[in-house]
Amino acid sequence: LTAMLETVTYDMCKTKGGSVGERLAGPIALLKYQTTRSGWKIADECVQVFGGRGITRTGMGAKAEGFKNYVKYAAVYGGSEEIMADLSVRMAMRQFPKEAKL
């Protein structure tokens, strides 16, 4: 995930037009998808570690519960995972030659 983030960031800085270029739409969508999935896995593991306290708003589980909610809000604001995955695949398919077979 870190290597992908650094690659996309480098491309955004060096590509003419920055992040609005058509070439970067797919990798950025895929990076967002992967980041959201990783955040969900971490939040789920935090709740598992804290047990019942991981879903409380006060006390020891407050940070885990807050992170779980933050990850969900971040995922929704940037576009749902399904849309990001679909966009990244569609953008990748555009770059393949027309005669290529899958």
Protein backbone atom coordinates (compact mmCIF):
# COMPACT_ATOMS: atom_id res chain seq x y z
CA LEU A 1 0.00 0.00 0.00
CA THR A 2 2.85 2.37 0.82
CA ALA A 3 4.61 1.70 -2.48
CA MET A 4 1.38 2.32 -4.37
CA LEU A 5 0.82 5.58 -2.49
CA GLU A 6 4.33 6.79 -3.28
CA THR A 7 4.00 5.82 -6.95
CA VAL A 8 0.68 7.62 -7.39
CA THR A 9 1.95 10.68 -5.50
CA TYR A 10 5.07 10.83 -7.68
CA ASP A 11 2.97 10.52 -10.84
CA MET A 12 0.63 13.26 -9.63
CA CYS A 13 3.57 15.60 -9.06
CA LYS A 14 5.39 14.82 -12.32
CA THR A 15 2.51 14.35 -14.76
CA LYS A 16 1.32 17.35 -16.71
CA GLY A 17 -2.10 18.27 -15.38
CA GLY A 18 -1.51 16.69 -11.98
CA SER A 19 -4.14 14.43 -10.51
CA VAL A 20 -6.89 15.43 -12.94
CA GLY A 21 -5.33 13.54 -15.83
CA GLU A 22 -7.23 10.60 -17.26
CA ARG A 23 -4.22 8.33 -16.84
CA LEU A 24 -4.25 8.69 -13.04
CA ALA A 25 -7.99 8.23 -12.45
CA GLY A 26 -7.73 4.44 -12.26
CA PRO A 27 -4.69 4.23 -9.96
CA ILE A 28 -6.13 6.87 -7.62
CA ALA A 29 -9.46 5.01 -7.45
CA LEU A 30 -7.65 1.73 -6.75
CA LEU A 31 -5.52 3.38 -4.06
CA LYS A 32 -8.65 4.78 -2.41
CA TYR A 33 -10.27 1.35 -2.54
CA GLN A 34 -7.24 -0.35 -0.97
CA THR A 35 -6.92 2.32 1.72
CA THR A 36 -10.57 2.00 2.67
CA ARG A 37 -10.34 -1.80 2.85
CA SER A 38 -7.22 -1.60 5.01
CA GLY A 39 -8.88 0.90 7.33
CA TRP A 40 -11.88 -1.40 7.74
CA LYS A 41 -9.64 -4.36 8.57
CA ILE A 42 -7.79 -2.33 11.19
CA ALA A 43 -11.03 -1.00 12.71
CA ASP A 44 -12.49 -4.51 12.84
CA GLU A 45 -9.38 -5.87 14.57
CA CYS A 46 -9.50 -3.01 17.10
CA VAL A 47 -13.08 -3.86 17.98
CA GLN A 48 -12.14 -7.55 18.30
CA VAL A 49 -9.27 -6.70 20.67
CA PHE A 50 -11.43 -4.50 22.89
CA GLY A 51 -14.42 -6.84 22.76
CA GLY A 52 -17.64 -5.24 24.00
CA ARG A 53 -15.75 -2.12 24.98
CA GLY A 54 -14.77 -1.58 21.33
CA ILE A 55 -18.26 -0.36 20.49
CA THR A 56 -18.74 2.02 23.42
CA ARG A 57 -18.46 5.77 23.05
CA THR A 58 -16.81 6.31 26.41
CA GLY A 59 -14.05 4.67 28.38
CA MET A 60 -11.41 2.34 26.98
CA GLY A 61 -13.18 1.68 23.69
CA ALA A 62 -13.81 5.30 22.72
CA LYS A 63 -10.81 5.52 20.38
CA ALA A 64 -11.65 2.23 18.62
CA GLU A 65 -15.28 3.23 18.18
CA GLY A 66 -14.28 6.68 16.93
CA PHE A 67 -11.84 5.22 14.41
CA LYS A 68 -14.45 2.76 13.18
CA ASN A 69 -16.88 5.61 12.52
CA TYR A 70 -14.19 7.78 10.91
CA VAL A 71 -13.24 5.02 8.47
CA LYS A 72 -16.87 4.66 7.40
CA TYR A 73 -17.30 8.39 6.86
CA ALA A 74 -14.08 8.59 4.85
CA ALA A 75 -15.21 5.69 2.67
CA VAL A 76 -18.60 7.26 1.96
CA TYR A 77 -17.33 10.78 1.22
CA GLY A 78 -14.76 9.63 -1.31
CA GLY A 79 -17.10 7.27 -3.17
CA SER A 80 -18.17 3.76 -2.33
CA GLU A 81 -15.75 0.86 -2.64
CA GLU A 82 -17.75 -0.75 -5.43
CA ILE A 83 -17.67 2.41 -7.53
CA MET A 84 -13.93 2.90 -6.96
CA ALA A 85 -13.17 -0.72 -7.89
CA ASP A 86 -15.33 -0.47 -11.03
CA LEU A 87 -13.71 2.82 -12.05
CA SER A 88 -10.20 1.46 -11.63
CA VAL A 89 -10.97 -1.61 -13.76
CA ARG A 90 -12.66 0.45 -16.48
CA MET A 91 -9.74 2.87 -16.65
CA ALA A 92 -7.27 -0.03 -16.87
CA MET A 93 -9.31 -1.64 -19.66
CA ARG A 94 -9.10 1.57 -21.71
CA GLN A 95 -5.32 1.28 -21.80
CA PHE A 96 -5.32 -2.25 -23.20
CA PRO A 97 -5.21 -2.71 -26.98
CA LYS A 98 -8.60 -3.38 -28.60
CA GLU A 99 -7.48 -6.81 -29.86
CA ALA A 100 -6.31 -7.97 -26.41
CA LYS A 101 -8.27 -10.86 -24.91
CA LEU A 102 -8.82 -11.57 -21.24
